[in-house]
Structures are given as C-alpha cells and as structure tokens.
Amino acid sequence: MTTGPAETGRSVAVYHLGTTSYGEVHRLQQRLQAARRAGSGVDTLLLTEHRPVFTLGRSHPAPNLRVPEETVRQYGIDIVPTERGGDITYHGPGQLVAYGIIALRGWNLGVTEYVAGLEETVIGVLADWGLRGERSDRGRGVWVEGRKIASLGLNVRGWVTMHGIALNVDPDLGHFELINPCGMSDVEMTTMAAEVGRQVAMDEVLEAFVFHFGRVFECRAKLQPIPGREKARPAR
C-alpha cells in the first residue's frame, strides 16, 4: 500500500520564475536555505530557465573547458563557482532547472533518497514523451540510451538542500561543446526535442515535472503566483 501527501504531511510551494540570471536565483536559494535552517520559511521548489552560464562544483574550481577561456568570454557566457557538488555544467534557455530547498529531516529523507527521487522525477517526465530515462554508473543524473539528458548537483547544509537537477528540453547543445560536461570528455549530451524528433513545449514539461515531483515524493506540490506577475499556469 502506497502513501500519499495526506499520509506523509509533505507539501512544497512551487514557483515558476521564468527566464532568469543565475546569480539572482542563486542568491534567492541561499536566502531560502538559511531560513529553512533557522526553522522558518517553507519547503520550496524553484523552476527556471537561465540565461547562458557555466557553473562549477565546489570540488572542481578550475573550469573543465574544451576551448580557451577567452573563447568562452567571446560567447558571452559567464563562469560561476558554486557550493554544489559535481563538476562543470551548462545552464541556458531551453533547459528546465529545478532547485529544491527542502528540509530533509521534515520529510524523513536522506540525501541519497532525495537525489534518487529527483532522478525518478525526470524519468517520469521522459516517460510522458515516450522516452526511457535511465541511471548510469558513470555518474548522477539521467541518461537516454547512453546520452546524458539531465545533470544533478546539490548543496546540503543542516539537512536543508539547495541546487538540484537540470533537464535538457531543447537547449543549444553547441554550448556543451565548449566544456567537458560533468568533467567527462567523452560524454554525449542530448535533449528531449532531439530524442523525440520534434519541438517540446517547455510549459508542458514544467507541468509534468511538478506532477511527477509530487508523485515521487508523495507531497502536495502547488504552483504559487509570484507577486507582481501574471499567475502561472496551474500544474496538472
């Protein structure tokens, strides 16, 4: 017998931020994480597309590039150090990035369980488009027939998470060619659009992600309006 939100008591406030700069959302995550660590605030899921940026994991502060750093600057792509795990990755338009600020102890979850749940959420999304997402012994994230479609990295302080998972819906794969994604020189990146052979609507993927996040983590996942903006489309 499976449990549901009523039984677990879990809930998460979901915000669709639209297209953002990496820095503004990073600062927002830090504030929300600090509040949850202090026992205030609520568990939150931030969904966004970033303007082009390369981010670095805390254990790999030197950018793992395939081209000179000057070339990256010519593309106008910033390189930003972060406190998450993992190696270099790319964020840009056409990629759905999901940041969970979750007090894991309140959800009775360990870090490994949470990571596996984020992967399972993406696997559920891919299945809605007829794609078989898989895990790989090459590293965390989600793969389709050996090609990487989602990357994952976390920071956990005081059992409260930040950072999360990034799903390639239809980003510019050429930007991945400037780096060794996740530190792997031979990895092939892919997108949902490339795998299904047609355009994929970001709004539909976002709704599917919220649905599967709620299903996997047995929580109420409710999309919240952002003050001063039009109300976002409700999750299905």
C-alpha atoms as a PDB file:
ATOM      1  CA  MET A   1       0.000   0.000   0.000  1.00  0.00           C
ATOM      2  CA  THR A   2       1.446   3.361  -1.016  1.00  0.00           C
ATOM      3  CA  THR A   3       1.142   6.567   0.933  1.00  0.00           C
ATOM      4  CA  GLY A   4       0.246   9.994  -0.344  1.00  0.00           C
ATOM      5  CA  PRO A   5       0.511  13.654   0.670  1.00  0.00           C
ATOM      6  CA  ALA A   6      -2.191  13.311   3.331  1.00  0.00           C
ATOM      7  CA  GLU A   7      -0.288  10.489   4.993  1.00  0.00           C
ATOM      8  CA  THR A   8       3.207  11.993   4.728  1.00  0.00           C
ATOM      9  CA  GLY A   9       2.196  15.557   5.561  1.00  0.00           C
ATOM     10  CA  ARG A  10       4.661  16.817   2.955  1.00  0.00           C
ATOM     11  CA  SER A  11       3.997  19.903   0.874  1.00  0.00           C
ATOM     12  CA  VAL A  12       6.112  22.151  -1.306  1.00  0.00           C
ATOM     13  CA  ALA A  13       5.490  25.645  -2.650  1.00  0.00           C
ATOM     14  CA  VAL A  14       6.349  25.753  -6.358  1.00  0.00           C
ATOM     15  CA  TYR A  15       7.390  28.943  -8.156  1.00  0.00           C
ATOM     16  CA  HIS A  16       7.885  29.306 -11.894  1.00  0.00           C
ATOM     17  CA  LEU A  17      10.424  32.114 -12.207  1.00  0.00           C
ATOM     18  CA  GLY A  18      10.622  32.237 -15.998  1.00  0.00           C
ATOM     19  CA  THR A  19      13.957  33.180 -17.581  1.00  0.00           C
ATOM     20  CA  THR A  20      16.473  34.406 -15.011  1.00  0.00           C
ATOM     21  CA  SER A  21      20.109  35.224 -14.459  1.00  0.00           C
ATOM     22  CA  TYR A  22      21.962  32.574 -12.500  1.00  0.00           C
ATOM     23  CA  GLY A  23      23.117  34.982  -9.820  1.00  0.00           C
ATOM     24  CA  GLU A  24      19.684  36.238  -8.807  1.00  0.00           C
ATOM     25  CA  VAL A  25      18.305  32.722  -8.319  1.00  0.00           C
ATOM     26  CA  HIS A  26      21.464  31.577  -6.548  1.00  0.00           C
ATOM     27  CA  ARG A  27      21.067  34.382  -4.018  1.00  0.00           C
ATOM     28  CA  LEU A  28      17.378  33.519  -3.614  1.00  0.00           C
ATOM     29  CA  GLN A  29      18.265  29.885  -2.906  1.00  0.00           C
ATOM     30  CA  GLN A  30      20.797  30.933  -0.287  1.00  0.00           C
ATOM     31  CA  ARG A  31      18.209  33.085   1.491  1.00  0.00           C
ATOM     32  CA  LEU A  32      15.589  30.348   1.413  1.00  0.00           C
ATOM     33  CA  GLN A  33      18.040  27.714   2.632  1.00  0.00           C
ATOM     34  CA  ALA A  34      19.154  29.931   5.507  1.00  0.00           C
ATOM     35  CA  ALA A  35      15.517  30.482   6.513  1.00  0.00           C
ATOM     36  CA  ARG A  36      14.733  26.755   6.490  1.00  0.00           C
ATOM     37  CA  ARG A  37      17.849  26.026   8.524  1.00  0.00           C
ATOM     38  CA  ALA A  38      16.666  28.572  11.065  1.00  0.00           C
ATOM     39  CA  GLY A  39      13.296  26.834  11.260  1.00  0.00           C
ATOM     40  CA  SER A  40      11.290  29.375   9.273  1.00  0.00           C
ATOM     41  CA  GLY A  41      10.055  29.537   5.700  1.00  0.00           C
ATOM     42  CA  VAL A  42       8.553  26.609   3.786  1.00  0.00           C
ATOM     43  CA  ASP A  43       9.871  23.841   1.573  1.00  0.00           C
ATOM     44  CA  THR A  44      10.173  25.333  -1.900  1.00  0.00           C
ATOM     45  CA  LEU A  45      10.724  24.236  -5.492  1.00  0.00           C
ATOM     46  CA  LEU A  46      12.037  26.895  -7.887  1.00  0.00           C
ATOM     47  CA  LEU A  47      11.654  26.255 -11.625  1.00  0.00           C
ATOM     48  CA  THR A  48      13.504  28.397 -14.147  1.00  0.00           C
ATOM     49  CA  GLU A  49      15.437  28.715 -17.385  1.00  0.00           C
ATOM     50  CA  HIS A  50      18.742  30.537 -17.007  1.00  0.00           C
ATOM     51  CA  ARG A  51      20.481  32.852 -19.376  1.00  0.00           C
ATOM     52  CA  PRO A  52      23.654  31.074 -20.616  1.00  0.00           C
ATOM     53  CA  VAL A  53      26.106  30.271 -17.822  1.00  0.00           C
ATOM     54  CA  PHE A  54      28.675  27.636 -16.861  1.00  0.00           C
ATOM     55  CA  THR A  55      28.690  26.683 -13.191  1.00  0.00           C
ATOM     56  CA  LEU A  56      31.462  24.928 -11.275  1.00  0.00           C
ATOM     57  CA  GLY A  57      31.173  22.403  -8.451  1.00  0.00           C
ATOM     58  CA  ARG A  58      32.898  23.109  -5.155  1.00  0.00           C
ATOM     59  CA  SER A  59      35.442  20.293  -5.621  1.00  0.00           C
ATOM     60  CA  HIS A  60      36.339  21.402  -9.171  1.00  0.00           C
ATOM     61  CA  PRO A  61      37.024  25.155  -9.022  1.00  0.00           C
ATOM     62  CA  ALA A  62      39.101  25.184 -12.236  1.00  0.00           C
ATOM     63  CA  PRO A  63      36.796  25.249 -15.292  1.00  0.00           C
ATOM     64  CA  ASN A  64      36.990  21.991 -17.245  1.00  0.00           C
ATOM     65  CA  LEU A  65      36.941  23.545 -20.725  1.00  0.00           C
ATOM     66  CA  ARG A  66      37.484  22.172 -24.228  1.00  0.00           C
ATOM     67  CA  VAL A  67      38.382  25.639 -25.526  1.00  0.00           C
ATOM     68  CA  PRO A  68      40.431  28.577 -24.189  1.00  0.00           C
ATOM     69  CA  GLU A  69      38.655  30.657 -21.567  1.00  0.00           C
ATOM     70  CA  GLU A  70      38.866  33.632 -23.918  1.00  0.00           C
ATOM     71  CA  THR A  71      36.616  31.740 -26.360  1.00  0.00           C
ATOM     72  CA  VAL A  72      34.018  31.305 -23.630  1.00  0.00           C
ATOM     73  CA  ARG A  73      34.125  35.036 -22.947  1.00  0.00           C
ATOM     74  CA  GLN A  74      33.569  35.713 -26.657  1.00  0.00           C
ATOM     75  CA  TYR A  75      30.349  33.705 -26.396  1.00  0.00           C
ATOM     76  CA  GLY A  76      29.305  35.978 -23.541  1.00  0.00           C
ATOM     77  CA  ILE A  77      28.913  33.070 -21.141  1.00  0.00           C
ATOM     78  CA  ASP A  78      29.854  33.640 -17.511  1.00  0.00           C
ATOM     79  CA  ILE A  79      31.720  31.018 -15.459  1.00  0.00           C
ATOM     80  CA  VAL A  80      30.434  30.945 -11.884  1.00  0.00           C
ATOM     81  CA  PRO A  81      31.777  28.962  -8.893  1.00  0.00           C
ATOM     82  CA  THR A  82      29.128  27.393  -6.663  1.00  0.00           C
ATOM     83  CA  GLU A  83      28.852  25.360  -3.474  1.00  0.00           C
ATOM     84  CA  ARG A  84      27.109  22.378  -5.109  1.00  0.00           C
ATOM     85  CA  GLY A  85      28.690  19.003  -5.747  1.00  0.00           C
ATOM     86  CA  GLY A  86      29.761  17.767  -9.167  1.00  0.00           C
ATOM     87  CA  ASP A  87      31.856  19.355 -11.918  1.00  0.00           C
ATOM     88  CA  ILE A  88      31.206  21.959 -14.596  1.00  0.00           C
ATOM     89  CA  THR A  89      27.827  22.127 -16.287  1.00  0.00           C
ATOM     90  CA  TYR A  90      25.883  24.431 -18.586  1.00  0.00           C
ATOM     91  CA  HIS A  91      22.569  26.183 -17.989  1.00  0.00           C
ATOM     92  CA  GLY A  92      20.731  28.069 -20.680  1.00  0.00           C
ATOM     93  CA  PRO A  93      17.417  28.750 -22.400  1.00  0.00           C
ATOM     94  CA  GLY A  94      15.575  25.568 -23.320  1.00  0.00           C
ATOM     95  CA  GLN A  95      16.724  23.777 -20.171  1.00  0.00           C
ATOM     96  CA  LEU A  96      14.384  23.328 -17.206  1.00  0.00           C
ATOM     97  CA  VAL A  97      16.290  23.824 -13.952  1.00  0.00           C
ATOM     98  CA  ALA A  98      14.634  22.707 -10.720  1.00  0.00           C
ATOM     99  CA  TYR A  99      16.001  23.874  -7.372  1.00  0.00           C
ATOM    100  CA  GLY A 100      14.553  22.296  -4.260  1.00  0.00           C
ATOM    101  CA  ILE A 101      15.003  23.974  -0.885  1.00  0.00           C
ATOM    102  CA  ILE A 102      13.801  21.079   1.238  1.00  0.00           C
ATOM    103  CA  ALA A 103      14.258  20.331   4.947  1.00  0.00           C
ATOM    104  CA  LEU A 104      15.038  16.644   4.502  1.00  0.00           C
ATOM    105  CA  ARG A 105      14.501  15.662   8.111  1.00  0.00           C
ATOM    106  CA  GLY A 106      10.966  17.018   7.963  1.00  0.00           C
ATOM    107  CA  TRP A 107      10.368  14.705   5.014  1.00  0.00           C
ATOM    108  CA  ASN A 108      12.163  11.765   6.681  1.00  0.00           C
ATOM    109  CA  LEU A 109      14.564  11.562   3.746  1.00  0.00           C
ATOM    110  CA  GLY A 110      18.294  11.025   3.474  1.00  0.00           C
ATOM    111  CA  VAL A 111      20.389  12.800   0.865  1.00  0.00           C
ATOM    112  CA  THR A 112      20.732   9.689  -1.311  1.00  0.00           C
ATOM    113  CA  GLU A 113      16.960   9.138  -1.255  1.00  0.00           C
ATOM    114  CA  TYR A 114      16.367  12.734  -2.278  1.00  0.00           C
ATOM    115  CA  VAL A 115      18.863  12.505  -5.137  1.00  0.00           C
ATOM    116  CA  ALA A 116      17.258   9.281  -6.358  1.00  0.00           C
ATOM    117  CA  GLY A 117      13.865  10.968  -6.166  1.00  0.00           C
ATOM    118  CA  LEU A 118      14.986  13.855  -8.364  1.00  0.00           C
ATOM    119  CA  GLU A 119      16.250  11.357 -10.920  1.00  0.00           C
ATOM    120  CA  GLU A 120      12.983   9.410 -10.705  1.00  0.00           C
ATOM    121  CA  THR A 121      11.027  12.633 -11.241  1.00  0.00           C
ATOM    122  CA  VAL A 122      12.868  13.269 -14.523  1.00  0.00           C
ATOM    123  CA  ILE A 123      12.482   9.618 -15.545  1.00  0.00           C
ATOM    124  CA  GLY A 124       8.730  10.062 -15.080  1.00  0.00           C
ATOM    125  CA  VAL A 125       8.726  13.211 -17.197  1.00  0.00           C
ATOM    126  CA  LEU A 126      10.621  11.499 -20.003  1.00  0.00           C
ATOM    127  CA  ALA A 127       8.199   8.580 -19.965  1.00  0.00           C
ATOM    128  CA  ASP A 128       5.352  11.010 -20.682  1.00  0.00           C
ATOM    129  CA  TRP A 129       7.100  11.731 -24.005  1.00  0.00           C
ATOM    130  CA  GLY A 130       7.763   8.044 -24.717  1.00  0.00           C
ATOM    131  CA  LEU A 131      11.429   8.188 -23.681  1.00  0.00           C
ATOM    132  CA  ARG A 132      13.152   5.688 -21.415  1.00  0.00           C
ATOM    133  CA  GLY A 133      15.272   7.549 -18.893  1.00  0.00           C
ATOM    134  CA  GLU A 134      17.929   5.577 -17.066  1.00  0.00           C
ATOM    135  CA  ARG A 135      20.560   5.952 -14.384  1.00  0.00           C
ATOM    136  CA  SER A 136      24.197   5.259 -15.191  1.00  0.00           C
ATOM    137  CA  ASP A 137      27.221   4.111 -13.243  1.00  0.00           C
ATOM    138  CA  ARG A 138      29.074   6.989 -14.934  1.00  0.00           C
ATOM    139  CA  GLY A 139      27.524   9.472 -12.561  1.00  0.00           C
ATOM    140  CA  ARG A 140      24.390  11.005 -11.150  1.00  0.00           C
ATOM    141  CA  GLY A 141      21.724  12.352 -13.465  1.00  0.00           C
ATOM    142  CA  VAL A 142      19.518  10.780 -16.134  1.00  0.00           C
ATOM    143  CA  TRP A 143      20.509   9.250 -19.448  1.00  0.00           C
ATOM    144  CA  VAL A 144      18.743   8.100 -22.644  1.00  0.00           C
ATOM    145  CA  GLU A 145      20.487   5.262 -24.484  1.00  0.00           C
ATOM    146  CA  GLY A 146      23.874   6.352 -23.131  1.00  0.00           C
ATOM    147  CA  ARG A 147      23.353  10.054 -23.832  1.00  0.00           C
ATOM    148  CA  LYS A 148      23.034  12.409 -20.867  1.00  0.00           C
ATOM    149  CA  ILE A 149      19.822  14.408 -20.722  1.00  0.00           C
ATOM    150  CA  ALA A 150      19.748  15.646 -17.106  1.00  0.00           C
ATOM    151  CA  SER A 151      22.507  16.730 -14.707  1.00  0.00           C
ATOM    152  CA  LEU A 152      22.299  16.876 -10.925  1.00  0.00           C
ATOM    153  CA  GLY A 153      24.232  18.566  -8.129  1.00  0.00           C
ATOM    154  CA  LEU A 154      23.322  19.523  -4.570  1.00  0.00           C
ATOM    155  CA  ASN A 155      24.413  21.502  -1.577  1.00  0.00           C
ATOM    156  CA  VAL A 156      23.077  20.324   1.780  1.00  0.00           C
ATOM    157  CA  ARG A 157      23.584  22.341   4.969  1.00  0.00           C
ATOM    158  CA  GLY A 158      21.884  21.486   8.232  1.00  0.00           C
ATOM    159  CA  TRP A 159      19.878  18.869   6.315  1.00  0.00           C
ATOM    160  CA  VAL A 160      18.400  21.549   4.052  1.00  0.00           C
ATOM    161  CA  THR A 161      19.021  21.250   0.318  1.00  0.00           C
ATOM    162  CA  MET A 162      19.660  23.766  -2.434  1.00  0.00           C
ATOM    163  CA  HIS A 163      20.642  23.432  -6.104  1.00  0.00           C
ATOM    164  CA  GLY A 164      19.036  20.474  -7.884  1.00  0.00           C
ATOM    165  CA  ILE A 165      18.543  18.981 -11.339  1.00  0.00           C
ATOM    166  CA  ALA A 166      18.610  20.380 -14.889  1.00  0.00           C
ATOM    167  CA  LEU A 167      16.668  18.710 -17.718  1.00  0.00           C
ATOM    168  CA  ASN A 168      17.608  19.427 -21.334  1.00  0.00           C
ATOM    169  CA  VAL A 169      14.335  20.148 -23.101  1.00  0.00           C
ATOM    170  CA  ASP A 170      15.725  21.956 -26.162  1.00  0.00           C
ATOM    171  CA  PRO A 171      18.825  23.997 -25.236  1.00  0.00           C
ATOM    172  CA  ASP A 172      21.705  24.894 -27.571  1.00  0.00           C
ATOM    173  CA  LEU A 173      23.855  21.754 -27.445  1.00  0.00           C
ATOM    174  CA  GLY A 174      26.687  23.716 -29.042  1.00  0.00           C
ATOM    175  CA  HIS A 175      27.342  25.390 -25.705  1.00  0.00           C
ATOM    176  CA  PHE A 176      28.014  21.991 -24.134  1.00  0.00           C
ATOM    177  CA  GLU A 177      30.761  21.522 -26.726  1.00  0.00           C
ATOM    178  CA  LEU A 178      32.779  24.268 -25.008  1.00  0.00           C
ATOM    179  CA  ILE A 179      33.166  22.183 -21.815  1.00  0.00           C
ATOM    180  CA  ASN A 180      33.674  18.636 -20.604  1.00  0.00           C
ATOM    181  CA  PRO A 181      30.189  18.277 -19.129  1.00  0.00           C
ATOM    182  CA  CYS A 182      30.290  16.970 -15.566  1.00  0.00           C
ATOM    183  CA  GLY A 183      34.038  16.530 -16.118  1.00  0.00           C
ATOM    184  CA  MET A 184      33.592  13.831 -18.785  1.00  0.00           C
ATOM    185  CA  SER A 185      35.458  14.392 -22.032  1.00  0.00           C
ATOM    186  CA  ASP A 186      33.575  11.701 -23.939  1.00  0.00           C
ATOM    187  CA  VAL A 187      30.003  12.252 -22.769  1.00  0.00           C
ATOM    188  CA  GLU A 188      27.318  12.885 -25.404  1.00  0.00           C
ATOM    189  CA  MET A 189      24.628  15.302 -24.317  1.00  0.00           C
ATOM    190  CA  THR A 190      21.105  15.156 -25.696  1.00  0.00           C
ATOM    191  CA  THR A 191      17.736  16.871 -25.392  1.00  0.00           C
ATOM    192  CA  MET A 192      14.101  15.832 -25.260  1.00  0.00           C
ATOM    193  CA  ALA A 193      13.472  17.545 -28.595  1.00  0.00           C
ATOM    194  CA  ALA A 194      16.338  15.651 -30.258  1.00  0.00           C
ATOM    195  CA  GLU A 195      15.171  12.334 -28.851  1.00  0.00           C
ATOM    196  CA  VAL A 196      11.521  12.671 -29.887  1.00  0.00           C
ATOM    197  CA  GLY A 197      12.337  14.412 -33.166  1.00  0.00           C
ATOM    198  CA  ARG A 198      10.045  17.410 -32.678  1.00  0.00           C
ATOM    199  CA  GLN A 199       9.577  20.546 -30.631  1.00  0.00           C
ATOM    200  CA  VAL A 200       8.736  20.071 -26.977  1.00  0.00           C
ATOM    201  CA  ALA A 201       6.799  22.775 -25.134  1.00  0.00           C
ATOM    202  CA  MET A 202       8.585  23.971 -22.009  1.00  0.00           C
ATOM    203  CA  ASP A 203       5.300  24.734 -20.220  1.00  0.00           C
ATOM    204  CA  GLU A 204       4.181  21.144 -20.691  1.00  0.00           C
ATOM    205  CA  VAL A 205       7.480  19.791 -19.368  1.00  0.00           C
ATOM    206  CA  LEU A 206       7.255  22.120 -16.372  1.00  0.00           C
ATOM    207  CA  GLU A 207       3.756  20.889 -15.533  1.00  0.00           C
ATOM    208  CA  ALA A 208       4.884  17.282 -15.906  1.00  0.00           C
ATOM    209  CA  PHE A 209       7.854  17.891 -13.619  1.00  0.00           C
ATOM    210  CA  VAL A 210       5.641  19.331 -10.862  1.00  0.00           C
ATOM    211  CA  PHE A 211       3.244  16.404 -11.202  1.00  0.00           C
ATOM    212  CA  HIS A 212       5.961  13.761 -11.000  1.00  0.00           C
ATOM    213  CA  PHE A 213       7.782  15.559  -8.179  1.00  0.00           C
ATOM    214  CA  GLY A 214       4.588  15.374  -6.140  1.00  0.00           C
ATOM    215  CA  ARG A 215       4.066  11.728  -7.093  1.00  0.00           C
ATOM    216  CA  VAL A 216       7.613  10.593  -6.357  1.00  0.00           C
ATOM    217  CA  PHE A 217       7.982  12.452  -3.062  1.00  0.00           C
ATOM    218  CA  GLU A 218       4.347  11.913  -2.020  1.00  0.00           C
ATOM    219  CA  CYS A 219       3.842  15.609  -1.390  1.00  0.00           C
ATOM    220  CA  ARG A 220       1.412  18.346  -2.271  1.00  0.00           C
ATOM    221  CA  ALA A 221       3.173  20.340  -4.982  1.00  0.00           C
ATOM    222  CA  LYS A 222       1.250  23.559  -5.561  1.00  0.00           C
ATOM    223  CA  LEU A 223       2.257  26.226  -8.048  1.00  0.00           C
ATOM    224  CA  GLN A 224       2.211  29.648  -6.377  1.00  0.00           C
ATOM    225  CA  PRO A 225       1.675  33.010  -8.094  1.00  0.00           C
ATOM    226  CA  ILE A 226       4.619  35.389  -7.923  1.00  0.00           C
ATOM    227  CA  PRO A 227       3.653  38.843  -6.626  1.00  0.00           C
ATOM    228  CA  GLY A 228       3.640  41.390  -9.433  1.00  0.00           C
ATOM    229  CA  ARG A 229       3.463  38.794 -12.193  1.00  0.00           C
ATOM    230  CA  GLU A 230       0.615  37.153 -14.017  1.00  0.00           C
ATOM    231  CA  LYS A 231      -0.472  33.897 -12.452  1.00  0.00           C
ATOM    232  CA  ALA A 232       1.482  30.988 -13.863  1.00  0.00           C
ATOM    233  CA  ARG A 233      -0.338  28.063 -15.467  1.00  0.00           C
ATOM    234  CA  PRO A 234      -1.521  25.593 -12.823  1.00  0.00           C
ATOM    235  CA  ALA A 235       0.216  22.253 -12.533  1.00  0.00           C
ATOM    236  CA  ARG A 236      -1.870  19.380 -13.750  1.00  0.00           C
END
